[in-house]
Every structure is written in C-alpha cells, then in structure tokens.
C-alpha cells in the first residue's frame, strides 16, 4: 500500500472561529470526523491534528507567516490515488466552510532507502 499525505486548507477566519469555540461545540464538530475515520478503518494511518501559526522559512534564515491556510493533515494508506480520493469523498472538512479544500499527495520513497 502507498501512503498519502492529506492536507486540509481553510481560511484563517474559519480556523480562528474554530479555536474560539467552547469545548462542547468543538467536540460536536469532531463527530463527522470520527464517522469518516471509522469509514476509513485501517486505511487511516494517522488522523492528524489541526495546525495553526505556520511559518515560511527562507534560505537566508528569515521567516514570515505562511499564507497557505493549512488547517491540518491526515495520513492515509491506499492502493493508489484513486482509492485515496474515494476515501476522502464526503469528508466533513469540505462541508465546514465554502472556502475549504483538501490536497492529497502521494508519499514517495526516499531515493536510495
């Protein structure tokens, strides 16, 4: 099986709104994620976590706030990209905010390893 990195994108205002919600509302929002995780079964290697405050590091050592709107990640395993996309159909992240999106990247083996 191949591994796929799933990157969740959301606008900054939606991420701040989620972070300011009471714990009960946050838990309610996670219910759809738990249903999705159960649907994936052993294909879900790592549910991941929300991400905030990303920094872009530059070759000269400077850094700046990331403008990529990365909201979180998961790691899936699947036979191919098509199966990974099927596993992500109906994902609750896509219904959270109209500006939300999901990227899927196949993890390639390190050369020489």
N, C-alpha and C. Protein backbone atom coordinates (compact mmCIF):
# COMPACT_ATOMS: atom_id res chain seq x y z
N UNK A 1 0.84 -1.19 0.00
CA UNK A 1 0.00 0.00 0.00
C UNK A 1 0.88 1.24 0.00
N UNK A 2 0.40 2.26 -0.66
CA UNK A 2 1.10 3.54 -0.71
C UNK A 2 0.55 4.45 0.39
N UNK A 3 1.38 5.40 0.82
CA UNK A 3 0.94 6.39 1.80
C UNK A 3 0.62 7.70 1.10
N UNK A 4 -0.40 8.38 1.62
CA UNK A 4 -0.83 9.66 1.07
C UNK A 4 -0.95 10.67 2.21
N UNK A 5 -0.37 11.84 1.98
CA UNK A 5 -0.49 12.93 2.94
C UNK A 5 -1.70 13.76 2.51
N UNK A 6 -2.61 13.96 3.42
CA UNK A 6 -3.82 14.74 3.17
C UNK A 6 -3.63 16.07 3.89
N UNK A 7 -3.72 17.16 3.14
CA UNK A 7 -3.54 18.50 3.72
C UNK A 7 -4.87 19.24 3.61
N UNK A 8 -5.34 19.70 4.76
CA UNK A 8 -6.61 20.43 4.82
C UNK A 8 -6.33 21.92 4.77
N UNK A 9 -7.03 22.62 3.88
CA UNK A 9 -6.91 24.08 3.77
C UNK A 9 -8.22 24.72 4.21
N UNK A 10 -8.11 25.82 4.95
CA UNK A 10 -9.28 26.59 5.38
C UNK A 10 -8.86 28.04 5.55
N UNK A 11 -9.77 28.98 5.32
CA UNK A 11 -9.41 30.38 5.52
C UNK A 11 -9.10 30.66 6.99
N UNK A 12 -8.23 31.60 7.22
CA UNK A 12 -7.78 31.92 8.57
C UNK A 12 -8.94 32.26 9.50
N UNK A 13 -9.95 32.98 9.01
CA UNK A 13 -11.07 33.34 9.89
C UNK A 13 -11.83 32.11 10.36
N UNK A 14 -11.96 31.09 9.51
CA UNK A 14 -12.64 29.86 9.92
C UNK A 14 -11.82 29.11 10.98
N UNK A 15 -10.50 29.11 10.83
CA UNK A 15 -9.65 28.43 11.82
C UNK A 15 -9.71 29.15 13.16
N UNK A 16 -9.71 30.49 13.15
CA UNK A 16 -9.80 31.26 14.39
C UNK A 16 -11.16 31.05 15.05
N UNK A 17 -12.21 30.97 14.24
CA UNK A 17 -13.55 30.72 14.77
C UNK A 17 -13.59 29.37 15.48
N UNK A 18 -13.02 28.34 14.87
CA UNK A 18 -13.00 27.02 15.48
C UNK A 18 -12.24 27.05 16.80
N UNK A 19 -11.08 27.72 16.81
CA UNK A 19 -10.25 27.76 18.01
C UNK A 19 -10.95 28.48 19.16
N UNK A 20 -11.87 29.40 18.86
CA UNK A 20 -12.54 30.16 19.92
C UNK A 20 -13.85 29.52 20.37
N UNK A 21 -14.24 28.42 19.75
CA UNK A 21 -15.49 27.75 20.13
C UNK A 21 -15.35 27.07 21.48
N UNK A 22 -16.44 26.97 22.25
CA UNK A 22 -16.38 26.23 23.51
C UNK A 22 -16.06 24.75 23.24
N UNK A 23 -15.44 24.08 24.21
CA UNK A 23 -15.06 22.67 24.02
C UNK A 23 -16.22 21.77 23.58
N UNK A 24 -17.43 22.03 24.08
CA UNK A 24 -18.58 21.21 23.70
C UNK A 24 -18.86 21.34 22.20
N UNK A 25 -18.78 22.57 21.68
CA UNK A 25 -19.03 22.80 20.26
C UNK A 25 -17.91 22.19 19.41
N UNK A 26 -16.68 22.26 19.90
CA UNK A 26 -15.56 21.64 19.19
C UNK A 26 -15.76 20.13 19.12
N UNK A 27 -16.18 19.53 20.23
CA UNK A 27 -16.41 18.08 20.26
C UNK A 27 -17.53 17.70 19.29
N UNK A 28 -18.58 18.50 19.24
CA UNK A 28 -19.69 18.25 18.31
C UNK A 28 -19.19 18.30 16.87
N UNK A 29 -18.31 19.27 16.58
CA UNK A 29 -17.75 19.39 15.25
C UNK A 29 -16.88 18.22 14.84
N UNK A 30 -16.33 17.51 15.82
CA UNK A 30 -15.47 16.36 15.53
C UNK A 30 -16.25 15.08 15.25
N UNK A 31 -17.55 15.08 15.52
CA UNK A 31 -18.34 13.86 15.32
C UNK A 31 -18.26 13.36 13.87
N UNK A 32 -18.37 14.27 12.91
CA UNK A 32 -18.27 13.88 11.50
C UNK A 32 -16.92 13.31 11.15
N UNK A 33 -15.87 13.87 11.79
CA UNK A 33 -14.51 13.36 11.56
C UNK A 33 -14.39 11.93 12.08
N UNK A 34 -15.01 11.64 13.21
CA UNK A 34 -14.92 10.29 13.78
C UNK A 34 -15.67 9.29 12.90
N UNK A 35 -16.80 9.71 12.33
CA UNK A 35 -17.53 8.85 11.40
C UNK A 35 -16.66 8.57 10.18
N UNK A 36 -16.01 9.62 9.65
CA UNK A 36 -15.11 9.45 8.50
C UNK A 36 -13.96 8.51 8.85
N UNK A 37 -13.37 8.68 10.03
CA UNK A 37 -12.24 7.84 10.45
C UNK A 37 -12.67 6.37 10.52
N UNK A 38 -13.86 6.12 11.04
CA UNK A 38 -14.35 4.74 11.11
C UNK A 38 -14.56 4.17 9.71
N UNK A 39 -15.05 5.00 8.79
CA UNK A 39 -15.26 4.56 7.40
C UNK A 39 -13.92 4.14 6.77
N UNK A 40 -12.87 4.88 7.08
CA UNK A 40 -11.54 4.58 6.52
C UNK A 40 -10.94 3.32 7.11
N UNK A 41 -11.25 3.04 8.36
CA UNK A 41 -10.70 1.86 9.02
C UNK A 41 -9.18 1.88 9.03
N UNK A 42 -8.57 0.75 8.67
CA UNK A 42 -7.10 0.64 8.73
C UNK A 42 -6.41 1.45 7.64
N UNK A 43 -7.16 2.03 6.71
CA UNK A 43 -6.55 2.90 5.70
C UNK A 43 -6.14 4.25 6.29
N UNK A 44 -6.68 4.59 7.45
CA UNK A 44 -6.30 5.84 8.11
C UNK A 44 -5.12 5.54 9.03
N UNK A 45 -3.94 5.96 8.62
CA UNK A 45 -2.71 5.70 9.38
C UNK A 45 -2.61 6.66 10.55
N UNK A 46 -2.96 7.94 10.32
CA UNK A 46 -2.86 8.97 11.35
C UNK A 46 -3.95 9.99 11.08
N UNK A 47 -4.89 10.16 12.02
CA UNK A 47 -5.95 11.14 11.87
C UNK A 47 -5.37 12.54 11.77
N UNK A 48 -4.22 12.78 12.40
CA UNK A 48 -3.58 14.08 12.35
C UNK A 48 -4.12 15.01 13.41
N UNK A 49 -3.84 16.30 13.23
CA UNK A 49 -4.27 17.33 14.17
C UNK A 49 -4.52 18.62 13.41
N UNK A 50 -5.26 19.55 14.03
CA UNK A 50 -5.35 20.89 13.44
C UNK A 50 -3.98 21.57 13.51
N UNK A 51 -3.73 22.47 12.57
CA UNK A 51 -2.48 23.23 12.53
C UNK A 51 -2.80 24.71 12.44
N UNK A 52 -2.01 25.54 13.11
CA UNK A 52 -2.16 27.00 13.04
C UNK A 52 -0.79 27.64 13.18
N UNK A 53 -0.68 28.87 12.77
CA UNK A 53 0.53 29.65 13.01
C UNK A 53 1.73 29.22 12.18
N UNK A 54 1.51 28.71 10.98
CA UNK A 54 2.61 28.24 10.14
C UNK A 54 3.58 29.35 9.78
N UNK A 55 4.83 28.98 9.63
CA UNK A 55 5.89 29.92 9.24
C UNK A 55 6.56 29.42 7.97
N UNK A 56 6.88 30.33 7.09
CA UNK A 56 7.64 30.02 5.88
C UNK A 56 9.09 30.35 6.16
N UNK A 57 9.96 29.34 6.07
CA UNK A 57 11.40 29.54 6.29
C UNK A 57 12.07 29.79 4.94
N UNK A 58 12.97 30.75 4.90
CA UNK A 58 13.66 31.12 3.66
C UNK A 58 15.13 30.72 3.73
N UNK A 59 15.77 30.52 2.56
CA UNK A 59 17.17 30.09 2.54
C UNK A 59 18.12 31.02 3.30
N UNK A 60 17.78 32.29 3.39
CA UNK A 60 18.66 33.23 4.11
C UNK A 60 18.44 33.21 5.61
N UNK A 61 17.57 32.33 6.10
CA UNK A 61 17.33 32.20 7.53
C UNK A 61 16.16 33.03 8.04
N UNK A 62 15.61 33.88 7.20
CA UNK A 62 14.46 34.68 7.63
C UNK A 62 13.19 33.83 7.58
N UNK A 63 12.17 34.30 8.24
CA UNK A 63 10.88 33.60 8.21
C UNK A 63 9.77 34.63 8.16
N UNK A 64 8.61 34.17 7.75
CA UNK A 64 7.43 35.01 7.67
C UNK A 64 6.21 34.12 7.86
N UNK A 65 5.09 34.70 8.30
CA UNK A 65 3.88 33.89 8.43
C UNK A 65 3.51 33.24 7.09
N UNK A 66 3.14 31.98 7.15
CA UNK A 66 2.70 31.27 5.96
C UNK A 66 1.38 31.85 5.45
N UNK A 67 1.23 31.90 4.15
CA UNK A 67 -0.02 32.37 3.55
C UNK A 67 -0.78 31.22 2.90
N UNK A 68 -0.45 29.98 3.25
CA UNK A 68 -1.03 28.80 2.60
C UNK A 68 -2.36 28.35 3.20
N UNK A 69 -2.75 28.88 4.37
CA UNK A 69 -4.00 28.50 5.02
C UNK A 69 -4.10 27.00 5.29
N UNK A 70 -3.00 26.40 5.74
CA UNK A 70 -3.01 24.98 6.10
C UNK A 70 -3.70 24.84 7.45
N UNK A 71 -4.75 24.03 7.49
CA UNK A 71 -5.55 23.88 8.70
C UNK A 71 -5.30 22.56 9.42
N UNK A 72 -4.67 21.58 8.76
CA UNK A 72 -4.42 20.30 9.40
C UNK A 72 -3.94 19.28 8.38
N UNK A 73 -3.76 18.06 8.86
CA UNK A 73 -3.27 16.98 7.99
C UNK A 73 -3.81 15.65 8.49
N UNK A 74 -3.78 14.67 7.62
CA UNK A 74 -4.01 13.26 7.96
C UNK A 74 -3.08 12.44 7.08
N UNK A 75 -2.89 11.18 7.43
CA UNK A 75 -2.11 10.26 6.61
C UNK A 75 -2.97 9.04 6.32
N UNK A 76 -3.14 8.76 5.03
CA UNK A 76 -3.90 7.59 4.58
C UNK A 76 -2.97 6.59 3.93
N UNK A 77 -3.40 5.34 3.87
CA UNK A 77 -2.74 4.37 3.01
C UNK A 77 -3.80 3.82 2.07
N UNK A 78 -3.40 3.64 0.82
CA UNK A 78 -4.32 3.17 -0.21
C UNK A 78 -3.51 2.53 -1.33
N UNK A 79 -4.19 1.76 -2.16
CA UNK A 79 -3.51 1.11 -3.29
C UNK A 79 -3.02 2.14 -4.31
N UNK A 80 -3.79 3.22 -4.49
CA UNK A 80 -3.44 4.22 -5.49
C UNK A 80 -4.18 5.53 -5.18
N UNK A 81 -3.91 6.56 -5.97
CA UNK A 81 -4.53 7.87 -5.77
C UNK A 81 -6.04 7.79 -5.88
N UNK A 82 -6.54 6.99 -6.80
CA UNK A 82 -8.00 6.87 -6.98
C UNK A 82 -8.66 6.35 -5.70
N UNK A 83 -8.07 5.33 -5.08
CA UNK A 83 -8.63 4.80 -3.84
C UNK A 83 -8.55 5.85 -2.74
N UNK A 84 -7.46 6.61 -2.68
CA UNK A 84 -7.33 7.67 -1.68
C UNK A 84 -8.43 8.71 -1.86
N UNK A 85 -8.72 9.08 -3.11
CA UNK A 85 -9.78 10.06 -3.37
C UNK A 85 -11.15 9.51 -2.97
N UNK A 86 -11.37 8.22 -3.19
CA UNK A 86 -12.64 7.61 -2.77
C UNK A 86 -12.78 7.69 -1.25
N UNK A 87 -11.70 7.43 -0.53
CA UNK A 87 -11.74 7.51 0.94
C UNK A 87 -12.08 8.92 1.42
N UNK A 88 -11.75 9.93 0.64
CA UNK A 88 -11.98 11.32 1.04
C UNK A 88 -13.33 11.87 0.56
N UNK A 89 -14.08 11.09 -0.21
CA UNK A 89 -15.40 11.56 -0.64
C UNK A 89 -16.30 11.77 0.57
N UNK A 90 -16.99 12.90 0.60
CA UNK A 90 -17.89 13.20 1.70
C UNK A 90 -17.18 13.59 2.98
N UNK A 91 -15.90 13.95 2.91
CA UNK A 91 -15.14 14.32 4.10
C UNK A 91 -15.77 15.55 4.75
N UNK A 92 -15.92 15.55 6.08
CA UNK A 92 -16.58 16.68 6.76
C UNK A 92 -15.85 18.01 6.60
N UNK A 93 -14.56 18.00 6.35
CA UNK A 93 -13.83 19.26 6.18
C UNK A 93 -14.40 20.06 5.00
N UNK A 94 -14.82 19.36 3.95
CA UNK A 94 -15.32 20.04 2.76
C UNK A 94 -16.66 20.72 2.98
N UNK A 95 -17.38 20.34 4.03
CA UNK A 95 -18.66 20.97 4.33
C UNK A 95 -18.58 22.02 5.42
N UNK A 96 -17.39 22.25 5.95
CA UNK A 96 -17.22 23.17 7.07
C UNK A 96 -17.36 24.62 6.64
N UNK A 97 -16.76 24.97 5.50
CA UNK A 97 -16.74 26.35 5.01
C UNK A 97 -16.59 26.26 3.49
N UNK A 98 -17.26 27.14 2.76
CA UNK A 98 -17.22 27.07 1.30
C UNK A 98 -15.81 27.23 0.73
N UNK A 99 -14.90 27.84 1.49
CA UNK A 99 -13.53 28.06 1.02
C UNK A 99 -12.59 26.91 1.39
N UNK A 100 -13.10 25.89 2.06
CA UNK A 100 -12.25 24.76 2.47
C UNK A 100 -11.93 23.87 1.28
N UNK A 101 -10.74 23.29 1.31
CA UNK A 101 -10.34 22.33 0.28
C UNK A 101 -9.40 21.30 0.90
N UNK A 102 -9.17 20.24 0.15
CA UNK A 102 -8.28 19.17 0.59
C UNK A 102 -7.29 18.89 -0.54
N UNK A 103 -6.01 18.75 -0.18
CA UNK A 103 -4.98 18.31 -1.12
C UNK A 103 -4.56 16.90 -0.74
N UNK A 104 -4.22 16.09 -1.73
CA UNK A 104 -3.72 14.74 -1.49
C UNK A 104 -2.39 14.61 -2.21
N UNK A 105 -1.37 14.16 -1.49
CA UNK A 105 -0.05 13.96 -2.08
C UNK A 105 0.43 12.55 -1.77
N UNK A 106 0.89 11.84 -2.79
CA UNK A 106 1.47 10.52 -2.56
C UNK A 106 2.86 10.69 -1.96
N UNK A 107 3.13 9.97 -0.88
CA UNK A 107 4.46 9.98 -0.25
C UNK A 107 5.35 9.02 -1.03
N UNK A 108 6.40 9.55 -1.59
CA UNK A 108 7.31 8.76 -2.42
C UNK A 108 8.45 8.22 -1.54
N UNK A 109 8.98 7.04 -1.87
CA UNK A 109 10.10 6.51 -1.10
C UNK A 109 11.33 7.41 -1.27
N UNK A 110 12.12 7.49 -0.21
CA UNK A 110 13.36 8.25 -0.29
C UNK A 110 14.32 7.55 -1.25
N UNK A 111 14.98 8.29 -2.13
CA UNK A 111 15.94 7.66 -3.04
C UNK A 111 17.05 6.96 -2.25
N UNK A 112 17.36 5.75 -2.66
CA UNK A 112 18.44 5.01 -2.03
C UNK A 112 18.08 4.36 -0.70
N UNK A 113 16.83 4.44 -0.29
CA UNK A 113 16.44 3.85 1.00
C UNK A 113 15.64 2.60 0.78
